[in-house]
């Protein structure tokens, strides 16, 4: 919901000691195939890495409004990854985004923010269960087109058939405080939706 993607960028990282990594990158465009102005977005990164805890921080800022370099878009992303045991891992992710648009002779600022929590339980050598919960507020409707509070819960069951082949059964429920989700060909809307996914994942390479 909150993380941008870039179609072109330059990035440099520098390790500091055994546990810290810092970096900077310059990106051309934000969630678009072609750049919408001549401005560039700058990203700053600072990570702490250890055997059982990884804390990642990234801040993006730059003019990303269409046709003008006035008004900046900012995003702060932080993720805490915990790996206290071989058969358990978890993460907490928080994002805060803000965009200032130039409208005539004044500025208008929109904001969006959210948090996600997930964990993975490796029950046996073949079976794993992963629950995830996300909460997102699009305060001004800038990110989703509707001012709303969104939530989702996902539960994934994973079975390892053989080395390199996984089967997954996943249930996801999304809900909002606004009638946001489309239902049927008539484009009726609902406050919630449910998704069931069955899939196979094949991967190749070293163990």
C-alpha atoms as a PDB file:
ATOM      1  CA  UNK A   1       0.000   0.000   0.000  1.00  0.00           C
ATOM      2  CA  UNK A   2       2.722   2.515   0.827  1.00  0.00           C
ATOM      3  CA  UNK A   3       6.068   1.508  -0.688  1.00  0.00           C
ATOM      4  CA  UNK A   4       6.902   3.119  -4.050  1.00  0.00           C
ATOM      5  CA  UNK A   5       8.669   1.446  -6.919  1.00  0.00           C
ATOM      6  CA  UNK A   6      11.115   3.103  -9.289  1.00  0.00           C
ATOM      7  CA  UNK A   7      11.881   2.341 -12.913  1.00  0.00           C
ATOM      8  CA  UNK A   8      15.410   3.834 -12.829  1.00  0.00           C
ATOM      9  CA  UNK A   9      17.806   4.685 -10.034  1.00  0.00           C
ATOM     10  CA  UNK A  10      21.395   4.870  -8.792  1.00  0.00           C
ATOM     11  CA  UNK A  11      22.325   3.447  -5.404  1.00  0.00           C
ATOM     12  CA  UNK A  12      25.410   3.282  -3.187  1.00  0.00           C
ATOM     13  CA  UNK A  13      25.781   1.580   0.195  1.00  0.00           C
ATOM     14  CA  UNK A  14      28.595   1.752   2.750  1.00  0.00           C
ATOM     15  CA  UNK A  15      29.087  -0.685   5.676  1.00  0.00           C
ATOM     16  CA  UNK A  16      30.086   0.873   9.002  1.00  0.00           C
ATOM     17  CA  UNK A  17      31.616  -1.706  11.309  1.00  0.00           C
ATOM     18  CA  UNK A  18      30.075  -5.158  11.622  1.00  0.00           C
ATOM     19  CA  UNK A  19      26.438  -4.196  12.197  1.00  0.00           C
ATOM     20  CA  UNK A  20      25.614  -0.932  10.418  1.00  0.00           C
ATOM     21  CA  UNK A  21      24.966  -0.166   6.749  1.00  0.00           C
ATOM     22  CA  UNK A  22      24.182   3.268   5.375  1.00  0.00           C
ATOM     23  CA  UNK A  23      23.419   4.347   1.841  1.00  0.00           C
ATOM     24  CA  UNK A  24      21.897   6.818  -0.573  1.00  0.00           C
ATOM     25  CA  UNK A  25      20.117   6.479  -3.892  1.00  0.00           C
ATOM     26  CA  UNK A  26      18.666   8.786  -6.537  1.00  0.00           C
ATOM     27  CA  UNK A  27      15.513   7.641  -8.349  1.00  0.00           C
ATOM     28  CA  UNK A  28      13.807   8.764 -11.535  1.00  0.00           C
ATOM     29  CA  UNK A  29      10.034   8.614 -11.012  1.00  0.00           C
ATOM     30  CA  UNK A  30       7.712   7.134  -8.408  1.00  0.00           C
ATOM     31  CA  UNK A  31       5.133   4.423  -9.195  1.00  0.00           C
ATOM     32  CA  UNK A  32       5.191   5.296 -12.876  1.00  0.00           C
ATOM     33  CA  UNK A  33       6.696   3.865 -16.054  1.00  0.00           C
ATOM     34  CA  UNK A  34       7.734   7.275 -17.384  1.00  0.00           C
ATOM     35  CA  UNK A  35       8.890  10.167 -15.253  1.00  0.00           C
ATOM     36  CA  UNK A  36       6.224  12.853 -14.830  1.00  0.00           C
ATOM     37  CA  UNK A  37       8.590  15.817 -14.288  1.00  0.00           C
ATOM     38  CA  UNK A  38      12.277  16.721 -14.261  1.00  0.00           C
ATOM     39  CA  UNK A  39      12.703  16.308 -10.503  1.00  0.00           C
ATOM     40  CA  UNK A  40      14.426  13.390  -8.799  1.00  0.00           C
ATOM     41  CA  UNK A  41      13.708  11.534  -5.570  1.00  0.00           C
ATOM     42  CA  UNK A  42      16.534  10.993  -3.079  1.00  0.00           C
ATOM     43  CA  UNK A  43      16.530   8.059  -0.669  1.00  0.00           C
ATOM     44  CA  UNK A  44      18.563   7.711   2.521  1.00  0.00           C
ATOM     45  CA  UNK A  45      19.080   4.319   4.154  1.00  0.00           C
ATOM     46  CA  UNK A  46      20.333   3.195   7.554  1.00  0.00           C
ATOM     47  CA  UNK A  47      20.264  -0.442   8.677  1.00  0.00           C
ATOM     48  CA  UNK A  48      21.317  -2.334  11.781  1.00  0.00           C
ATOM     49  CA  UNK A  49      22.068  -6.004  11.127  1.00  0.00           C
ATOM     50  CA  UNK A  50      22.772  -8.794  13.615  1.00  0.00           C
ATOM     51  CA  UNK A  51      22.191 -12.539  13.773  1.00  0.00           C
ATOM     52  CA  UNK A  52      18.735 -12.313  15.352  1.00  0.00           C
ATOM     53  CA  UNK A  53      17.633  -8.707  14.759  1.00  0.00           C
ATOM     54  CA  UNK A  54      17.623  -6.540  11.634  1.00  0.00           C
ATOM     55  CA  UNK A  55      16.309  -2.977  11.760  1.00  0.00           C
ATOM     56  CA  UNK A  56      15.951  -1.257   8.365  1.00  0.00           C
ATOM     57  CA  UNK A  57      15.153   2.429   7.838  1.00  0.00           C
ATOM     58  CA  UNK A  58      14.606   4.295   4.569  1.00  0.00           C
ATOM     59  CA  UNK A  59      13.524   7.873   3.884  1.00  0.00           C
ATOM     60  CA  UNK A  60      12.513   9.093   0.398  1.00  0.00           C
ATOM     61  CA  UNK A  61      11.949  12.697  -0.573  1.00  0.00           C
ATOM     62  CA  UNK A  62      11.580  14.549  -3.861  1.00  0.00           C
ATOM     63  CA  UNK A  63       9.252  16.517  -6.175  1.00  0.00           C
ATOM     64  CA  UNK A  64       6.908  13.959  -7.735  1.00  0.00           C
ATOM     65  CA  UNK A  65       3.818  15.943  -8.749  1.00  0.00           C
ATOM     66  CA  UNK A  66       2.961  15.722 -12.447  1.00  0.00           C
ATOM     67  CA  UNK A  67       4.207  18.540 -14.647  1.00  0.00           C
ATOM     68  CA  UNK A  68       5.869  20.543 -11.874  1.00  0.00           C
ATOM     69  CA  UNK A  69       8.776  20.388  -9.440  1.00  0.00           C
ATOM     70  CA  UNK A  70       6.801  22.235  -6.783  1.00  0.00           C
ATOM     71  CA  UNK A  71       5.621  20.239  -3.788  1.00  0.00           C
ATOM     72  CA  UNK A  72       7.546  17.307  -2.331  1.00  0.00           C
ATOM     73  CA  UNK A  73       6.544  13.715  -1.670  1.00  0.00           C
ATOM     74  CA  UNK A  74       8.045  12.103   1.441  1.00  0.00           C
ATOM     75  CA  UNK A  75       8.001   8.550   2.724  1.00  0.00           C
ATOM     76  CA  UNK A  76       9.539   6.991   5.814  1.00  0.00           C
ATOM     77  CA  UNK A  77       9.702   3.192   5.975  1.00  0.00           C
ATOM     78  CA  UNK A  78      11.012   1.153   8.905  1.00  0.00           C
ATOM     79  CA  UNK A  79      11.045  -2.629   9.355  1.00  0.00           C
ATOM     80  CA  UNK A  80      12.110  -4.670  12.368  1.00  0.00           C
ATOM     81  CA  UNK A  81      12.912  -8.295  11.461  1.00  0.00           C
ATOM     82  CA  UNK A  82      13.237 -10.817  14.292  1.00  0.00           C
ATOM     83  CA  UNK A  83      14.790 -14.286  13.878  1.00  0.00           C
ATOM     84  CA  UNK A  84      15.142 -15.552  17.458  1.00  0.00           C
ATOM     85  CA  UNK A  85      14.952 -19.258  16.504  1.00  0.00           C
ATOM     86  CA  UNK A  86      15.458 -21.435  13.445  1.00  0.00           C
ATOM     87  CA  UNK A  87      11.763 -22.315  13.289  1.00  0.00           C
ATOM     88  CA  UNK A  88      10.305 -18.873  14.015  1.00  0.00           C
ATOM     89  CA  UNK A  89      10.638 -15.435  12.455  1.00  0.00           C
ATOM     90  CA  UNK A  90       8.571 -12.243  12.549  1.00  0.00           C
ATOM     91  CA  UNK A  91       8.574  -8.670  11.325  1.00  0.00           C
ATOM     92  CA  UNK A  92       6.944  -5.330  12.087  1.00  0.00           C
ATOM     93  CA  UNK A  93       6.750  -2.737   9.322  1.00  0.00           C
ATOM     94  CA  UNK A  94       5.608   0.900   9.607  1.00  0.00           C
ATOM     95  CA  UNK A  95       5.210   3.493   6.836  1.00  0.00           C
ATOM     96  CA  UNK A  96       4.337   7.175   6.834  1.00  0.00           C
ATOM     97  CA  UNK A  97       3.845   9.005   3.541  1.00  0.00           C
ATOM     98  CA  UNK A  98       3.050  12.622   2.747  1.00  0.00           C
ATOM     99  CA  UNK A  99       2.564  14.554  -0.500  1.00  0.00           C
ATOM    100  CA  UNK A 100       2.345  18.310  -0.890  1.00  0.00           C
ATOM    101  CA  UNK A 101       0.584  19.425  -4.081  1.00  0.00           C
ATOM    102  CA  UNK A 102       0.767  22.919  -5.539  1.00  0.00           C
ATOM    103  CA  UNK A 103      -2.770  24.060  -6.304  1.00  0.00           C
ATOM    104  CA  UNK A 104      -2.936  27.590  -7.612  1.00  0.00           C
ATOM    105  CA  UNK A 105      -1.449  29.857  -4.958  1.00  0.00           C
ATOM    106  CA  UNK A 106      -1.493  27.455  -2.012  1.00  0.00           C
ATOM    107  CA  UNK A 107      -0.256  24.049  -0.921  1.00  0.00           C
ATOM    108  CA  UNK A 108      -2.410  21.018  -0.112  1.00  0.00           C
ATOM    109  CA  UNK A 109      -0.882  18.193   1.909  1.00  0.00           C
ATOM    110  CA  UNK A 110      -2.144  14.603   1.931  1.00  0.00           C
ATOM    111  CA  UNK A 111      -0.916  11.869   4.266  1.00  0.00           C
ATOM    112  CA  UNK A 112      -1.150   8.087   4.503  1.00  0.00           C
ATOM    113  CA  UNK A 113       0.323   5.645   7.023  1.00  0.00           C
ATOM    114  CA  UNK A 114       0.097   2.040   8.088  1.00  0.00           C
ATOM    115  CA  UNK A 115       1.583  -0.865  10.001  1.00  0.00           C
ATOM    116  CA  UNK A 116       2.031  -4.552   9.187  1.00  0.00           C
ATOM    117  CA  UNK A 117       2.870  -7.506  11.423  1.00  0.00           C
ATOM    118  CA  UNK A 118       3.661 -11.039  10.316  1.00  0.00           C
ATOM    119  CA  UNK A 119       5.301 -14.192  11.623  1.00  0.00           C
ATOM    120  CA  UNK A 120       6.282 -17.615  10.308  1.00  0.00           C
ATOM    121  CA  UNK A 121       6.062 -20.826  12.306  1.00  0.00           C
ATOM    122  CA  UNK A 122       7.997 -23.769  10.864  1.00  0.00           C
ATOM    123  CA  UNK A 123       5.969 -26.549  12.490  1.00  0.00           C
ATOM    124  CA  UNK A 124       7.839 -29.450  10.842  1.00  0.00           C
ATOM    125  CA  UNK A 125      10.456 -29.831   8.133  1.00  0.00           C
ATOM    126  CA  UNK A 126       7.618 -29.759   5.574  1.00  0.00           C
ATOM    127  CA  UNK A 127       4.864 -27.616   7.140  1.00  0.00           C
ATOM    128  CA  UNK A 128       4.880 -23.880   7.880  1.00  0.00           C
ATOM    129  CA  UNK A 129       2.114 -21.452   8.896  1.00  0.00           C
ATOM    130  CA  UNK A 130       2.298 -17.694   8.337  1.00  0.00           C
ATOM    131  CA  UNK A 131      -0.265 -15.226   9.754  1.00  0.00           C
ATOM    132  CA  UNK A 132      -0.165 -11.541   8.734  1.00  0.00           C
ATOM    133  CA  UNK A 133      -2.139  -8.441   9.743  1.00  0.00           C
ATOM    134  CA  UNK A 134      -2.048  -4.967   8.141  1.00  0.00           C
ATOM    135  CA  UNK A 135      -3.687  -1.667   9.061  1.00  0.00           C
ATOM    136  CA  UNK A 136      -3.594   1.303   6.680  1.00  0.00           C
ATOM    137  CA  UNK A 137      -5.114   4.784   6.848  1.00  0.00           C
ATOM    138  CA  UNK A 138      -5.448   6.811   3.665  1.00  0.00           C
ATOM    139  CA  UNK A 139      -6.349  10.011   5.479  1.00  0.00           C
ATOM    140  CA  UNK A 140      -7.136  12.089   2.414  1.00  0.00           C
ATOM    141  CA  UNK A 141      -7.788   9.413  -0.211  1.00  0.00           C
ATOM    142  CA  UNK A 142      -4.520  10.190  -1.976  1.00  0.00           C
ATOM    143  CA  UNK A 143      -3.170   6.622  -2.164  1.00  0.00           C
ATOM    144  CA  UNK A 144      -6.344   4.577  -2.816  1.00  0.00           C
ATOM    145  CA  UNK A 145      -8.714   7.237  -4.149  1.00  0.00           C
ATOM    146  CA  UNK A 146     -10.957   7.003  -1.056  1.00  0.00           C
ATOM    147  CA  UNK A 147     -10.407   8.480   2.412  1.00  0.00           C
ATOM    148  CA  UNK A 148     -10.599   5.336   4.543  1.00  0.00           C
ATOM    149  CA  UNK A 149      -9.119   2.947   7.058  1.00  0.00           C
ATOM    150  CA  UNK A 150      -8.197  -0.409   5.536  1.00  0.00           C
ATOM    151  CA  UNK A 151      -7.327  -3.649   7.290  1.00  0.00           C
ATOM    152  CA  UNK A 152      -6.389  -7.103   6.118  1.00  0.00           C
ATOM    153  CA  UNK A 153      -5.634 -10.481   7.672  1.00  0.00           C
ATOM    154  CA  UNK A 154      -3.949 -13.331   5.809  1.00  0.00           C
ATOM    155  CA  UNK A 155      -3.262 -16.889   6.904  1.00  0.00           C
ATOM    156  CA  UNK A 156      -0.960 -19.014   4.739  1.00  0.00           C
ATOM    157  CA  UNK A 157      -0.395 -22.772   5.009  1.00  0.00           C
ATOM    158  CA  UNK A 158       2.732 -24.000   3.254  1.00  0.00           C
ATOM    159  CA  UNK A 159       3.696 -27.586   2.458  1.00  0.00           C
ATOM    160  CA  UNK A 160       7.075 -28.607   1.059  1.00  0.00           C
ATOM    161  CA  UNK A 161       6.472 -31.513  -1.318  1.00  0.00           C
ATOM    162  CA  UNK A 162      10.106 -32.040  -2.278  1.00  0.00           C
ATOM    163  CA  UNK A 163      13.192 -29.853  -2.422  1.00  0.00           C
ATOM    164  CA  UNK A 164      12.304 -27.011  -4.791  1.00  0.00           C
ATOM    165  CA  UNK A 165       8.502 -27.439  -4.800  1.00  0.00           C
ATOM    166  CA  UNK A 166       6.094 -25.768  -2.368  1.00  0.00           C
ATOM    167  CA  UNK A 167       2.323 -25.943  -2.140  1.00  0.00           C
ATOM    168  CA  UNK A 168       0.423 -23.039  -0.579  1.00  0.00           C
ATOM    169  CA  UNK A 169      -3.129 -22.566   0.647  1.00  0.00           C
ATOM    170  CA  UNK A 170      -3.953 -18.996   1.617  1.00  0.00           C
ATOM    171  CA  UNK A 171      -6.998 -17.193   2.971  1.00  0.00           C
ATOM    172  CA  UNK A 172      -7.153 -13.391   3.038  1.00  0.00           C
ATOM    173  CA  UNK A 173      -9.819 -11.010   4.322  1.00  0.00           C
ATOM    174  CA  UNK A 174      -9.800  -7.283   3.554  1.00  0.00           C
ATOM    175  CA  UNK A 175     -12.146  -4.774   5.148  1.00  0.00           C
ATOM    176  CA  UNK A 176     -12.622  -1.005   5.279  1.00  0.00           C
ATOM    177  CA  UNK A 177     -14.746   1.604   7.042  1.00  0.00           C
ATOM    178  CA  UNK A 178     -15.949   2.648   3.552  1.00  0.00           C
ATOM    179  CA  UNK A 179     -17.720   0.633   0.791  1.00  0.00           C
ATOM    180  CA  UNK A 180     -14.525   0.299  -1.255  1.00  0.00           C
ATOM    181  CA  UNK A 181     -14.483  -3.225  -2.739  1.00  0.00           C
ATOM    182  CA  UNK A 182     -16.266  -3.998  -6.010  1.00  0.00           C
ATOM    183  CA  UNK A 183     -18.836  -6.789  -6.086  1.00  0.00           C
ATOM    184  CA  UNK A 184     -20.086  -8.267  -9.357  1.00  0.00           C
ATOM    185  CA  UNK A 185     -20.443  -6.907 -12.874  1.00  0.00           C
ATOM    186  CA  UNK A 186     -22.707  -4.079 -11.706  1.00  0.00           C
ATOM    187  CA  UNK A 187     -19.780  -2.555  -9.785  1.00  0.00           C
ATOM    188  CA  UNK A 188     -21.655  -2.594  -6.505  1.00  0.00           C
ATOM    189  CA  UNK A 189     -19.349  -1.930  -3.555  1.00  0.00           C
ATOM    190  CA  UNK A 190     -18.879  -3.598  -0.188  1.00  0.00           C
ATOM    191  CA  UNK A 191     -16.950  -2.906   3.008  1.00  0.00           C
ATOM    192  CA  UNK A 192     -15.097  -6.232   2.773  1.00  0.00           C
ATOM    193  CA  UNK A 193     -13.856  -8.972   0.492  1.00  0.00           C
ATOM    194  CA  UNK A 194     -12.467 -12.504   0.903  1.00  0.00           C
ATOM    195  CA  UNK A 195      -9.812 -14.229  -1.198  1.00  0.00           C
ATOM    196  CA  UNK A 196      -8.807 -17.911  -1.299  1.00  0.00           C
ATOM    197  CA  UNK A 197      -5.603 -18.853  -3.095  1.00  0.00           C
ATOM    198  CA  UNK A 198      -4.165 -22.256  -3.992  1.00  0.00           C
ATOM    199  CA  UNK A 199      -0.745 -22.256  -5.593  1.00  0.00           C
ATOM    200  CA  UNK A 200       2.487 -24.079  -6.361  1.00  0.00           C
ATOM    201  CA  UNK A 201       5.924 -22.471  -6.131  1.00  0.00           C
ATOM    202  CA  UNK A 202       8.906 -24.059  -7.881  1.00  0.00           C
ATOM    203  CA  UNK A 203      12.437 -22.765  -7.377  1.00  0.00           C
ATOM    204  CA  UNK A 204      15.848 -23.763  -8.682  1.00  0.00           C
ATOM    205  CA  UNK A 205      19.361 -23.313  -7.440  1.00  0.00           C
ATOM    206  CA  UNK A 206      21.548 -24.343  -4.503  1.00  0.00           C
ATOM    207  CA  UNK A 207      19.933 -25.436  -1.248  1.00  0.00           C
END
